[in-house]
PDB file of N, CA and C in Angstrom:
ATOM      1  N   MET A   1      14.510 -24.147 -22.222  1.00  0.00           N
ATOM      2  CA  MET A   1      14.535 -23.887 -23.657  1.00  0.00           C
ATOM      3  C   MET A   1      14.529 -22.385 -23.874  1.00  0.00           C
ATOM      4  N   ASP A   2      15.297 -21.944 -24.822  1.00  0.00           N
ATOM      5  CA  ASP A   2      15.321 -20.538 -25.184  1.00  0.00           C
ATOM      6  C   ASP A   2      14.121 -20.290 -26.096  1.00  0.00           C
ATOM      7  N   GLU A   3      13.112 -19.627 -25.561  1.00  0.00           N
ATOM      8  CA  GLU A   3      11.862 -19.437 -26.297  1.00  0.00           C
ATOM      9  C   GLU A   3      12.041 -18.583 -27.558  1.00  0.00           C
ATOM     10  N   GLU A   4      12.977 -17.656 -27.503  1.00  0.00           N
ATOM     11  CA  GLU A   4      13.148 -16.761 -28.640  1.00  0.00           C
ATOM     12  C   GLU A   4      13.653 -17.506 -29.876  1.00  0.00           C
ATOM     13  N   TYR A   5      14.571 -18.448 -29.682  1.00  0.00           N
ATOM     14  CA  TYR A   5      15.168 -19.147 -30.818  1.00  0.00           C
ATOM     15  C   TYR A   5      14.739 -20.607 -30.922  1.00  0.00           C
ATOM     16  N   GLY A   6      14.088 -21.149 -29.895  1.00  0.00           N
ATOM     17  CA  GLY A   6      13.658 -22.533 -29.928  1.00  0.00           C
ATOM     18  C   GLY A   6      14.787 -23.523 -29.769  1.00  0.00           C
ATOM     19  N   ILE A   7      15.900 -23.108 -29.149  1.00  0.00           N
ATOM     20  CA  ILE A   7      17.050 -23.976 -28.950  1.00  0.00           C
ATOM     21  C   ILE A   7      17.099 -24.376 -27.483  1.00  0.00           C
ATOM     22  N   PRO A   8      17.010 -25.688 -27.182  1.00  0.00           N
ATOM     23  CA  PRO A   8      17.148 -26.092 -25.787  1.00  0.00           C
ATOM     24  C   PRO A   8      18.565 -25.791 -25.295  1.00  0.00           C
ATOM     25  N   PHE A   9      18.681 -25.328 -24.062  1.00  0.00           N
ATOM     26  CA  PHE A   9      20.005 -25.045 -23.512  1.00  0.00           C
ATOM     27  C   PHE A   9      20.706 -26.334 -23.110  1.00  0.00           C
ATOM     28  N   LEU A  10      19.958 -27.283 -22.538  1.00  0.00           N
ATOM     29  CA  LEU A  10      20.536 -28.527 -22.052  1.00  0.00           C
ATOM     30  C   LEU A  10      19.780 -29.709 -22.648  1.00  0.00           C
ATOM     31  N   ALA A  11      20.509 -30.623 -23.272  1.00  0.00           N
ATOM     32  CA  ALA A  11      19.881 -31.820 -23.836  1.00  0.00           C
ATOM     33  C   ALA A  11      19.406 -32.708 -22.702  1.00  0.00           C
ATOM     34  N   SER A  12      18.145 -33.087 -22.710  1.00  0.00           N
ATOM     35  CA  SER A  12      17.596 -33.915 -21.636  1.00  0.00           C
ATOM     36  C   SER A  12      17.543 -35.392 -22.002  1.00  0.00           C
ATOM     37  N   THR A  13      17.737 -35.713 -23.272  1.00  0.00           N
ATOM     38  CA  THR A  13      17.755 -37.103 -23.718  1.00  0.00           C
ATOM     39  C   THR A  13      18.901 -37.291 -24.699  1.00  0.00           C
ATOM     40  N   PRO A  14      19.402 -38.530 -24.841  1.00  0.00           N
ATOM     41  CA  PRO A  14      20.480 -38.769 -25.807  1.00  0.00           C
ATOM     42  C   PRO A  14      20.109 -38.377 -27.230  1.00  0.00           C
ATOM     43  N   SER A  15      18.845 -38.487 -27.587  1.00  0.00           N
ATOM     44  CA  SER A  15      18.448 -38.136 -28.956  1.00  0.00           C
ATOM     45  C   SER A  15      18.556 -36.628 -29.206  1.00  0.00           C
ATOM     46  N   GLN A  16      18.608 -35.821 -28.128  1.00  0.00           N
ATOM     47  CA  GLN A  16      18.769 -34.373 -28.287  1.00  0.00           C
ATOM     48  C   GLN A  16      20.239 -33.964 -28.389  1.00  0.00           C
ATOM     49  N   SER A  17      21.143 -34.927 -28.295  1.00  0.00           N
ATOM     50  CA  SER A  17      22.563 -34.608 -28.393  1.00  0.00           C
ATOM     51  C   SER A  17      22.815 -33.872 -29.706  1.00  0.00           C
ATOM     52  N   ASN A  18      23.550 -32.805 -29.638  1.00  0.00           N
ATOM     53  CA  ASN A  18      23.874 -31.917 -30.767  1.00  0.00           C
ATOM     54  C   ASN A  18      22.759 -30.946 -31.117  1.00  0.00           C
ATOM     55  N   GLN A  19      21.559 -31.112 -30.541  1.00  0.00           N
ATOM     56  CA  GLN A  19      20.474 -30.182 -30.822  1.00  0.00           C
ATOM     57  C   GLN A  19      20.198 -29.260 -29.634  1.00  0.00           C
ATOM     58  N   ALA A  20      21.122 -29.179 -28.718  1.00  0.00           N
ATOM     59  CA  ALA A  20      21.033 -28.273 -27.575  1.00  0.00           C
ATOM     60  C   ALA A  20      22.390 -27.610 -27.412  1.00  0.00           C
ATOM     61  N   VAL A  21      22.426 -26.523 -26.686  1.00  0.00           N
ATOM     62  CA  VAL A  21      23.691 -25.819 -26.478  1.00  0.00           C
ATOM     63  C   VAL A  21      24.672 -26.719 -25.730  1.00  0.00           C
ATOM     64  N   LEU A  22      24.209 -27.383 -24.674  1.00  0.00           N
ATOM     65  CA  LEU A  22      25.025 -28.324 -23.910  1.00  0.00           C
ATOM     66  C   LEU A  22      24.424 -29.715 -24.019  1.00  0.00           C
ATOM     67  N   ASP A  23      25.284 -30.727 -24.186  1.00  0.00           N
ATOM     68  CA  ASP A  23      24.803 -32.099 -24.227  1.00  0.00           C
ATOM     69  C   ASP A  23      25.746 -32.990 -23.431  1.00  0.00           C
ATOM     70  N   ALA A  24      25.545 -34.290 -23.517  1.00  0.00           N
ATOM     71  CA  ALA A  24      26.354 -35.225 -22.727  1.00  0.00           C
ATOM     72  C   ALA A  24      27.835 -35.187 -23.096  1.00  0.00           C
ATOM     73  N   TRP A  25      28.162 -34.711 -24.293  1.00  0.00           N
ATOM     74  CA  TRP A  25      29.554 -34.652 -24.730  1.00  0.00           C
ATOM     75  C   TRP A  25      30.250 -33.366 -24.299  1.00  0.00           C
ATOM     76  N   SER A  26      29.523 -32.410 -23.780  1.00  0.00           N
ATOM     77  CA  SER A  26      30.114 -31.122 -23.384  1.00  0.00           C
ATOM     78  C   SER A  26      31.228 -31.264 -22.347  1.00  0.00           C
ATOM     79  N   PRO A  27      31.053 -32.075 -21.291  1.00  0.00           N
ATOM     80  CA  PRO A  27      32.157 -32.225 -20.333  1.00  0.00           C
ATOM     81  C   PRO A  27      33.416 -32.816 -20.963  1.00  0.00           C
ATOM     82  N   VAL A  28      33.246 -33.671 -21.962  1.00  0.00           N
ATOM     83  CA  VAL A  28      34.405 -34.256 -22.640  1.00  0.00           C
ATOM     84  C   VAL A  28      35.213 -33.167 -23.332  1.00  0.00           C
ATOM     85  N   HIS A  29      34.528 -32.230 -23.981  1.00  0.00           N
ATOM     86  CA  HIS A  29      35.227 -31.132 -24.645  1.00  0.00           C
ATOM     87  C   HIS A  29      36.021 -30.304 -23.636  1.00  0.00           C
ATOM     88  N   GLY A  30      35.417 -30.007 -22.505  1.00  0.00           N
ATOM     89  CA  GLY A  30      36.118 -29.249 -21.474  1.00  0.00           C
ATOM     90  C   GLY A  30      37.323 -30.004 -20.937  1.00  0.00           C
ATOM     91  N   LEU A  31      37.174 -31.300 -20.708  1.00  0.00           N
ATOM     92  CA  LEU A  31      38.265 -32.116 -20.184  1.00  0.00           C
ATOM     93  C   LEU A  31      39.420 -32.228 -21.177  1.00  0.00           C
ATOM     94  N   VAL A  32      39.100 -32.362 -22.445  1.00  0.00           N
ATOM     95  CA  VAL A  32      40.152 -32.392 -23.478  1.00  0.00           C
ATOM     96  C   VAL A  32      40.954 -31.099 -23.430  1.00  0.00           C
ATOM     97  N   GLY A  33      40.267 -29.980 -23.234  1.00  0.00           N
ATOM     98  CA  GLY A  33      40.959 -28.705 -23.115  1.00  0.00           C
ATOM     99  C   GLY A  33      41.862 -28.643 -21.897  1.00  0.00           C
ATOM    100  N   VAL A  34      41.363 -29.098 -20.745  1.00  0.00           N
ATOM    101  CA  VAL A  34      42.174 -29.082 -19.512  1.00  0.00           C
ATOM    102  C   VAL A  34      43.441 -29.911 -19.703  1.00  0.00           C
ATOM    103  N   VAL A  35      43.287 -31.122 -20.197  1.00  0.00           N
ATOM    104  CA  VAL A  35      44.444 -32.007 -20.387  1.00  0.00           C
ATOM    105  C   VAL A  35      45.434 -31.393 -21.372  1.00  0.00           C
ATOM    106  N   SER A  36      44.939 -30.825 -22.450  1.00  0.00           N
ATOM    107  CA  SER A  36      45.829 -30.208 -23.447  1.00  0.00           C
ATOM    108  C   SER A  36      46.583 -29.026 -22.855  1.00  0.00           C
ATOM    109  N   GLY A  37      45.917 -28.222 -22.033  1.00  0.00           N
ATOM    110  CA  GLY A  37      46.578 -27.096 -21.381  1.00  0.00           C
ATOM    111  C   GLY A  37      47.629 -27.548 -20.392  1.00  0.00           C
ATOM    112  N   VAL A  38      47.320 -28.588 -19.615  1.00  0.00           N
ATOM    113  CA  VAL A  38      48.283 -29.123 -18.646  1.00  0.00           C
ATOM    114  C   VAL A  38      49.493 -29.705 -19.367  1.00  0.00           C
ATOM    115  N   TRP A  39      49.253 -30.373 -20.474  1.00  0.00           N
ATOM    116  CA  TRP A  39      50.349 -30.968 -21.232  1.00  0.00           C
ATOM    117  C   TRP A  39      51.190 -29.921 -21.965  1.00  0.00           C
ATOM    118  N   GLY A  40      50.695 -28.699 -22.075  1.00  0.00           N
ATOM    119  CA  GLY A  40      51.464 -27.642 -22.719  1.00  0.00           C
ATOM    120  C   GLY A  40      51.415 -27.660 -24.232  1.00  0.00           C
ATOM    121  N   ILE A  41      50.354 -28.184 -24.797  1.00  0.00           N
ATOM    122  CA  ILE A  41      50.206 -28.165 -26.255  1.00  0.00           C
ATOM    123  C   ILE A  41      50.103 -26.705 -26.701  1.00  0.00           C
ATOM    124  N   ASN A  42      50.731 -26.389 -27.802  1.00  0.00           N
ATOM    125  CA  ASN A  42      50.701 -25.030 -28.335  1.00  0.00           C
ATOM    126  C   ASN A  42      49.245 -24.574 -28.462  1.00  0.00           C
ATOM    127  N   PRO A  43      48.901 -23.398 -27.901  1.00  0.00           N
ATOM    128  CA  PRO A  43      47.496 -22.968 -27.920  1.00  0.00           C
ATOM    129  C   PRO A  43      46.918 -22.778 -29.319  1.00  0.00           C
ATOM    130  N   TRP A  44      47.728 -22.296 -30.253  1.00  0.00           N
ATOM    131  CA  TRP A  44      47.221 -22.096 -31.621  1.00  0.00           C
ATOM    132  C   TRP A  44      46.982 -23.431 -32.308  1.00  0.00           C
ATOM    133  N   LEU A  45      47.891 -24.373 -32.088  1.00  0.00           N
ATOM    134  CA  LEU A  45      47.689 -25.717 -32.643  1.00  0.00           C
ATOM    135  C   LEU A  45      46.431 -26.340 -32.048  1.00  0.00           C
ATOM    136  N   PHE A  46      46.249 -26.169 -30.747  1.00  0.00           N
ATOM    137  CA  PHE A  46      45.064 -26.718 -30.090  1.00  0.00           C
ATOM    138  C   PHE A  46      43.791 -26.114 -30.674  1.00  0.00           C
ATOM    139  N   LEU A  47      43.780 -24.796 -30.875  1.00  0.00           N
ATOM    140  CA  LEU A  47      42.602 -24.133 -31.433  1.00  0.00           C
ATOM    141  C   LEU A  47      42.300 -24.650 -32.841  1.00  0.00           C
ATOM    142  N   VAL A  48      43.332 -24.790 -33.656  1.00  0.00           N
ATOM    143  CA  VAL A  48      43.147 -25.311 -35.021  1.00  0.00           C
ATOM    144  C   VAL A  48      42.580 -26.731 -34.976  1.00  0.00           C
ATOM    145  N   LEU A  49      43.118 -27.559 -34.082  1.00  0.00           N
ATOM    146  CA  LEU A  49      42.631 -28.932 -33.968  1.00  0.00           C
ATOM    147  C   LEU A  49      41.183 -28.981 -33.465  1.00  0.00           C
ATOM    148  N   ALA A  50      40.849 -28.143 -32.489  1.00  0.00           N
ATOM    149  CA  ALA A  50      39.484 -28.130 -31.946  1.00  0.00           C
ATOM    150  C   ALA A  50      38.475 -27.700 -33.014  1.00  0.00           C
ATOM    151  N   VAL A  51      38.786 -26.638 -33.739  1.00  0.00           N
ATOM    152  CA  VAL A  51      37.876 -26.159 -34.787  1.00  0.00           C
ATOM    153  C   VAL A  51      37.800 -27.170 -35.929  1.00  0.00           C
ATOM    154  N   SER A  52      38.934 -27.752 -36.295  1.00  0.00           N
ATOM    155  CA  SER A  52      38.946 -28.748 -37.371  1.00  0.00           C
ATOM    156  C   SER A  52      38.115 -29.970 -37.003  1.00  0.00           C
ATOM    157  N   TYR A  53      38.224 -30.414 -35.761  1.00  0.00           N
ATOM    158  CA  TYR A  53      37.430 -31.562 -35.327  1.00  0.00           C
ATOM    159  C   TYR A  53      35.935 -31.249 -35.422  1.00  0.00           C
ATOM    160  N   GLU A  54      35.545 -30.081 -34.952  1.00  0.00           N
ATOM    161  CA  GLU A  54      34.124 -29.725 -34.998  1.00  0.00           C
ATOM    162  C   GLU A  54      33.630 -29.649 -36.445  1.00  0.00           C
ATOM    163  N   TRP A  55      34.444 -29.104 -37.323  1.00  0.00           N
ATOM    164  CA  TRP A  55      34.077 -29.030 -38.738  1.00  0.00           C
ATOM    165  C   TRP A  55      33.926 -30.439 -39.316  1.00  0.00           C
ATOM    166  N   TRP A  56      34.901 -31.312 -39.022  1.00  0.00           N
ATOM    167  CA  TRP A  56      34.842 -32.694 -39.497  1.00  0.00           C
ATOM    168  C   TRP A  56      33.603 -33.393 -38.949  1.00  0.00           C
ATOM    169  N   GLU A  57      33.342 -33.212 -37.640  1.00  0.00           N
ATOM    170  CA  GLU A  57      32.180 -33.845 -37.027  1.00  0.00           C
ATOM    171  C   GLU A  57      30.882 -33.378 -37.694  1.00  0.00           C
ATOM    172  N   HIS A  58      30.769 -32.094 -37.955  1.00  0.00           N
ATOM    173  CA  HIS A  58      29.574 -31.553 -38.606  1.00  0.00           C
ATOM    174  C   HIS A  58      29.400 -32.166 -39.996  1.00  0.00           C
ATOM    175  N   LEU A  59      30.470 -32.219 -40.768  1.00  0.00           N
ATOM    176  CA  LEU A  59      30.383 -32.783 -42.120  1.00  0.00           C
ATOM    177  C   LEU A  59      30.049 -34.270 -42.087  1.00  0.00           C
ATOM    178  N   LYS A  60      30.614 -35.003 -41.121  1.00  0.00           N
ATOM    179  CA  LYS A  60      30.363 -36.438 -41.025  1.00  0.00           C
ATOM    180  C   LYS A  60      28.905 -36.718 -40.650  1.00  0.00           C
ATOM    181  N   GLU A  61      28.324 -35.859 -39.835  1.00  0.00           N
ATOM    182  CA  GLU A  61      26.955 -36.082 -39.370  1.00  0.00           C
ATOM    183  C   GLU A  61      25.894 -35.509 -40.306  1.00  0.00           C
ATOM    184  N   TYR A  62      26.287 -34.652 -41.231  1.00  0.00           N
ATOM    185  CA  TYR A  62      25.312 -33.978 -42.082  1.00  0.00           C
ATOM    186  C   TYR A  62      24.770 -34.943 -43.119  1.00  0.00           C
ATOM    187  N   PRO A  63      23.486 -35.031 -43.378  1.00  0.00           N
ATOM    188  CA  PRO A  63      22.381 -34.388 -42.689  1.00  0.00           C
ATOM    189  C   PRO A  63      21.674 -35.309 -41.694  1.00  0.00           C
ATOM    190  N   LYS A  64      22.086 -36.586 -41.609  1.00  0.00           N
ATOM    191  CA  LYS A  64      21.280 -37.560 -40.866  1.00  0.00           C
ATOM    192  C   LYS A  64      21.856 -37.977 -39.522  1.00  0.00           C
ATOM    193  N   GLY A  65      22.905 -37.357 -39.053  1.00  0.00           N
ATOM    194  CA  GLY A  65      23.466 -37.730 -37.764  1.00  0.00           C
ATOM    195  C   GLY A  65      24.503 -38.830 -37.878  1.00  0.00           C
ATOM    196  N   ASN A  66      24.821 -39.426 -36.730  1.00  0.00           N
ATOM    197  CA  ASN A  66      25.890 -40.399 -36.675  1.00  0.00           C
ATOM    198  C   ASN A  66      25.505 -41.493 -35.679  1.00  0.00           C
ATOM    199  N   ALA A  67      25.564 -42.740 -36.099  1.00  0.00           N
ATOM    200  CA  ALA A  67      25.180 -43.852 -35.233  1.00  0.00           C
ATOM    201  C   ALA A  67      26.132 -43.981 -34.048  1.00  0.00           C
ATOM    202  N   PHE A  68      27.429 -43.735 -34.253  1.00  0.00           N
ATOM    203  CA  PHE A  68      28.400 -43.862 -33.162  1.00  0.00           C
ATOM    204  C   PHE A  68      28.063 -42.922 -32.014  1.00  0.00           C
ATOM    205  N   PHE A  69      27.742 -41.673 -32.340  1.00  0.00           N
ATOM    206  CA  PHE A  69      27.408 -40.689 -31.314  1.00  0.00           C
ATOM    207  C   PHE A  69      25.932 -40.728 -30.925  1.00  0.00           C
ATOM    208  N   GLY A  70      25.135 -41.509 -31.643  1.00  0.00           N
ATOM    209  CA  GLY A  70      23.719 -41.631 -31.325  1.00  0.00           C
ATOM    210  C   GLY A  70      22.911 -40.392 -31.647  1.00  0.00           C
ATOM    211  N   THR A  71      23.309 -39.680 -32.684  1.00  0.00           N
ATOM    212  CA  THR A  71      22.609 -38.453 -33.052  1.00  0.00           C
ATOM    213  C   THR A  71      21.714 -38.696 -34.249  1.00  0.00           C
ATOM    214  N   GLY A  72      20.595 -37.977 -34.275  1.00  0.00           N
ATOM    215  CA  GLY A  72      19.640 -38.146 -35.354  1.00  0.00           C
ATOM    216  C   GLY A  72      19.795 -37.130 -36.468  1.00  0.00           C
ATOM    217  N   GLU A  73      20.530 -36.068 -36.210  1.00  0.00           N
ATOM    218  CA  GLU A  73      20.805 -35.077 -37.247  1.00  0.00           C
ATOM    219  C   GLU A  73      22.126 -34.391 -36.934  1.00  0.00           C
ATOM    220  N   SER A  74      22.599 -33.584 -37.860  1.00  0.00           N
ATOM    221  CA  SER A  74      23.910 -32.960 -37.671  1.00  0.00           C
ATOM    222  C   SER A  74      23.883 -31.930 -36.540  1.00  0.00           C
ATOM    223  N   GLU A  75      25.063 -31.574 -36.129  1.00  0.00           N
ATOM    224  CA  GLU A  75      25.248 -30.673 -34.999  1.00  0.00           C
ATOM    225  C   GLU A  75      24.738 -29.266 -35.295  1.00  0.00           C
ATOM    226  N   TRP A  76      24.012 -28.707 -34.350  1.00  0.00           N
ATOM    227  CA  TRP A  76      23.553 -27.331 -34.488  1.00  0.00           C
ATOM    228  C   TRP A  76      24.701 -26.389 -34.205  1.00  0.00           C
ATOM    229  N   ARG A  77      24.651 -25.219 -34.839  1.00  0.00           N
ATOM    230  CA  ARG A  77      25.737 -24.245 -34.666  1.00  0.00           C
ATOM    231  C   ARG A  77      25.952 -23.845 -33.213  1.00  0.00           C
ATOM    232  N   ALA A  78      24.866 -23.718 -32.449  1.00  0.00           N
ATOM    233  CA  ALA A  78      25.012 -23.328 -31.039  1.00  0.00           C
ATOM    234  C   ALA A  78      25.825 -24.370 -30.274  1.00  0.00           C
ATOM    235  N   ASN A  79      25.615 -25.651 -30.569  1.00  0.00           N
ATOM    236  CA  ASN A  79      26.363 -26.707 -29.908  1.00  0.00           C
ATOM    237  C   ASN A  79      27.810 -26.714 -30.379  1.00  0.00           C
ATOM    238  N   LEU A  80      28.007 -26.502 -31.663  1.00  0.00           N
ATOM    239  CA  LEU A  80      29.351 -26.461 -32.222  1.00  0.00           C
ATOM    240  C   LEU A  80      30.173 -25.338 -31.579  1.00  0.00           C
ATOM    241  N   VAL A  81      29.587 -24.156 -31.477  1.00  0.00           N
ATOM    242  CA  VAL A  81      30.289 -23.009 -30.866  1.00  0.00           C
ATOM    243  C   VAL A  81      30.565 -23.284 -29.389  1.00  0.00           C
ATOM    244  N   MET A  82      29.601 -23.861 -28.684  1.00  0.00           N
ATOM    245  CA  MET A  82      29.802 -24.170 -27.268  1.00  0.00           C
ATOM    246  C   MET A  82      30.896 -25.210 -27.085  1.00  0.00           C
ATOM    247  N   ASP A  83      30.954 -26.214 -27.963  1.00  0.00           N
ATOM    248  CA  ASP A  83      32.003 -27.229 -27.861  1.00  0.00           C
ATOM    249  C   ASP A  83      33.389 -26.598 -27.976  1.00  0.00           C
ATOM    250  N   VAL A  84      33.572 -25.726 -28.949  1.00  0.00           N
ATOM    251  CA  VAL A  84      34.871 -25.054 -29.106  1.00  0.00           C
ATOM    252  C   VAL A  84      35.133 -24.136 -27.915  1.00  0.00           C
ATOM    253  N   GLY A  85      34.097 -23.451 -27.440  1.00  0.00           N
ATOM    254  CA  GLY A  85      34.259 -22.590 -26.268  1.00  0.00           C
ATOM    255  C   GLY A  85      34.673 -23.381 -25.035  1.00  0.00           C
ATOM    256  N   LEU A  86      34.077 -24.560 -24.841  1.00  0.00           N
ATOM    257  CA  LEU A  86      34.458 -25.399 -23.706  1.00  0.00           C
ATOM    258  C   LEU A  86      35.873 -25.930 -23.862  1.00  0.00           C
ATOM    259  N   ASN A  87      36.264 -26.270 -25.087  1.00  0.00           N
ATOM    260  CA  ASN A  87      37.648 -26.664 -25.341  1.00  0.00           C
ATOM    261  C   ASN A  87      38.598 -25.555 -24.893  1.00  0.00           C
ATOM    262  N   CYS A  88      38.300 -24.337 -25.304  1.00  0.00           N
ATOM    263  CA  CYS A  88      39.179 -23.200 -24.998  1.00  0.00           C
ATOM    264  C   CYS A  88      39.170 -22.866 -23.506  1.00  0.00           C
ATOM    265  N   ALA A  89      38.006 -22.908 -22.886  1.00  0.00           N
ATOM    266  CA  ALA A  89      37.933 -22.642 -21.439  1.00  0.00           C
ATOM    267  C   ALA A  89      38.700 -23.710 -20.669  1.00  0.00           C
ATOM    268  N   GLY A  90      38.535 -24.961 -21.067  1.00  0.00           N
ATOM    269  CA  GLY A  90      39.287 -26.040 -20.435  1.00  0.00           C
ATOM    270  C   GLY A  90      40.777 -25.869 -20.629  1.00  0.00           C
ATOM    271  N   TYR A  91      41.179 -25.461 -21.837  1.00  0.00           N
ATOM    272  CA  TYR A  91      42.595 -25.230 -22.102  1.00  0.00           C
ATOM    273  C   TYR A  91      43.141 -24.129 -21.187  1.00  0.00           C
ATOM    274  N   ALA A  92      42.374 -23.057 -21.024  1.00  0.00           N
ATOM    275  CA  ALA A  92      42.811 -21.956 -20.160  1.00  0.00           C
ATOM    276  C   ALA A  92      43.001 -22.436 -18.718  1.00  0.00           C
ATOM    277  N   ILE A  93      42.101 -23.288 -18.237  1.00  0.00           N
ATOM    278  CA  ILE A  93      42.240 -23.834 -16.882  1.00  0.00           C
ATOM    279  C   ILE A  93      43.494 -24.705 -16.796  1.00  0.00           C
ATOM    280  N   GLY A  94      43.695 -25.564 -17.781  1.00  0.00           N
ATOM    281  CA  GLY A  94      44.882 -26.421 -17.797  1.00  0.00           C
ATOM    282  C   GLY A  94      46.170 -25.626 -17.871  1.00  0.00           C
ATOM    283  N   ALA A  95      46.195 -24.589 -18.701  1.00  0.00           N
ATOM    284  CA  ALA A  95      47.389 -23.736 -18.806  1.00  0.00           C
ATOM    285  C   ALA A  95      47.635 -22.991 -17.495  1.00  0.00           C
ATOM    286  N   TRP A  96      46.556 -22.572 -16.839  1.00  0.00           N
ATOM    287  CA  TRP A  96      46.683 -21.901 -15.543  1.00  0.00           C
ATOM    288  C   TRP A  96      47.291 -22.851 -14.509  1.00  0.00           C
ATOM    289  N   LEU A  97      46.808 -24.089 -14.484  1.00  0.00           N
ATOM    290  CA  LEU A  97      47.367 -25.082 -13.568  1.00  0.00           C
ATOM    291  C   LEU A  97      48.843 -25.315 -13.848  1.00  0.00           C
ATOM    292  N   ARG A  98      49.182 -25.409 -15.127  1.00  0.00           N
ATOM    293  CA  ARG A  98      50.580 -25.622 -15.514  1.00  0.00           C
ATOM    294  C   ARG A  98      51.452 -24.445 -15.097  1.00  0.00           C
ATOM    295  N   ALA A  99      50.957 -23.231 -15.277  1.00  0.00           N
ATOM    296  CA  ALA A  99      51.725 -22.031 -14.929  1.00  0.00           C
ATOM    297  C   ALA A  99      51.928 -21.905 -13.421  1.00  0.00           C
ATOM    298  N   ARG A 100      51.049 -22.494 -12.632  1.00  0.00           N
ATOM    299  CA  ARG A 100      51.157 -22.433 -11.173  1.00  0.00           C
ATOM    300  C   ARG A 100      52.098 -23.497 -10.641  1.00  0.00           C
ATOM    301  N   ASN A 101      52.799 -24.182 -11.535  1.00  0.00           N
ATOM    302  CA  ASN A 101      53.759 -25.226 -11.177  1.00  0.00           C
ATOM    303  C   ASN A 101      53.125 -26.354 -10.366  1.00  0.00           C
ATOM    304  N   ILE A 102      51.878 -26.607 -10.643  1.00  0.00           N
ATOM    305  CA  ILE A 102      51.234 -27.758 -10.022  1.00  0.00           C
ATOM    306  C   ILE A 102      51.837 -28.995 -10.670  1.00  0.00           C
ATOM    307  N   PRO A 103      52.324 -29.945  -9.873  1.00  0.00           N
ATOM    308  CA  PRO A 103      53.003 -31.116 -10.462  1.00  0.00           C
ATOM    309  C   PRO A 103      52.149 -31.794 -11.523  1.00  0.00           C
ATOM    310  N   THR A 104      52.717 -31.902 -12.702  1.00  0.00           N
ATOM    311  CA  THR A 104      51.986 -32.525 -13.805  1.00  0.00           C
ATOM    312  C   THR A 104      52.678 -33.781 -14.306  1.00  0.00           C
ATOM    313  N   SER A 105      53.813 -34.144 -13.723  1.00  0.00           N
ATOM    314  CA  SER A 105      54.541 -35.305 -14.230  1.00  0.00           C
ATOM    315  C   SER A 105      53.717 -36.584 -14.105  1.00  0.00           C
ATOM    316  N   GLU A 106      52.832 -36.629 -13.103  1.00  0.00           N
ATOM    317  CA  GLU A 106      51.992 -37.802 -12.968  1.00  0.00           C
ATOM    318  C   GLU A 106      50.774 -37.728 -13.886  1.00  0.00           C
ATOM    319  N   ILE A 107      50.474 -36.537 -14.409  1.00  0.00           N
ATOM    320  CA  ILE A 107      49.270 -36.345 -15.212  1.00  0.00           C
ATOM    321  C   ILE A 107      49.534 -36.626 -16.681  1.00  0.00           C
ATOM    322  N   GLY A 108      50.645 -36.163 -17.193  1.00  0.00           N
ATOM    323  CA  GLY A 108      50.882 -36.336 -18.627  1.00  0.00           C
ATOM    324  C   GLY A 108      52.348 -36.169 -18.973  1.00  0.00           C
ATOM    325  N   PRO A 109      52.660 -36.323 -20.232  1.00  0.00           N
ATOM    326  CA  PRO A 109      54.047 -36.258 -20.678  1.00  0.00           C
ATOM    327  C   PRO A 109      54.578 -34.827 -20.718  1.00  0.00           C
ATOM    328  N   GLU A 110      55.876 -34.727 -20.841  1.00  0.00           N
ATOM    329  CA  GLU A 110      56.497 -33.430 -21.061  1.00  0.00           C
ATOM    330  C   GLU A 110      56.085 -32.932 -22.442  1.00  0.00           C
ATOM    331  N   PRO A 111      56.081 -31.609 -22.667  1.00  0.00           N
ATOM    332  CA  PRO A 111      55.667 -31.090 -23.976  1.00  0.00           C
ATOM    333  C   PRO A 111      56.550 -31.634 -25.093  1.00  0.00           C
ATOM    334  N   GLY A 112      55.919 -31.905 -26.208  1.00  0.00           N
ATOM    335  CA  GLY A 112      56.638 -32.395 -27.377  1.00  0.00           C
ATOM    336  C   GLY A 112      57.098 -31.249 -28.248  1.00  0.00           C
ATOM    337  N   PRO A 113      57.372 -31.515 -29.509  1.00  0.00           N
ATOM    338  CA  PRO A 113      57.889 -30.484 -30.401  1.00  0.00           C
ATOM    339  C   PRO A 113      56.903 -29.351 -30.651  1.00  0.00           C
ATOM    340  N   PHE A 114      55.606 -29.576 -30.429  1.00  0.00           N
ATOM    341  CA  PHE A 114      54.627 -28.517 -30.631  1.00  0.00           C
ATOM    342  C   PHE A 114      54.238 -27.834 -29.340  1.00  0.00           C
ATOM    343  N   GLY A 115      54.817 -28.262 -28.221  1.00  0.00           N
ATOM    344  CA  GLY A 115      54.483 -27.690 -26.916  1.00  0.00           C
ATOM    345  C   GLY A 115      55.153 -26.350 -26.711  1.00  0.00           C
ATOM    346  N   THR A 116      54.691 -25.659 -25.662  1.00  0.00           N
ATOM    347  CA  THR A 116      55.288 -24.359 -25.349  1.00  0.00           C
ATOM    348  C   THR A 116      56.202 -24.473 -24.173  1.00  0.00           C
TER     349      THR A 116
END
């Protein structure tokens, strides 16, 4: 736990999801970024979608949380920022893999109209 701000760095229980910097959903955000980068989704479109999703999620959970995600209150800003950061870091890894000509035909489709 970060003693200065009182924010746990890692959620240790499902009820702490969204109230820590990293939670059980953090790897999902990173993986979504990797897949999007490998698929060649336009980086600006991806960023807009990632930020929009986090905004929507925050509004949907405010103020009492969400039964689907098992949260008791809305997402803390530290978790929201980390989720977008993991999306972007994952995207960078996926784009790096794509640029290295690592075969992706088995992983996902060719880029669509919004791809690069």
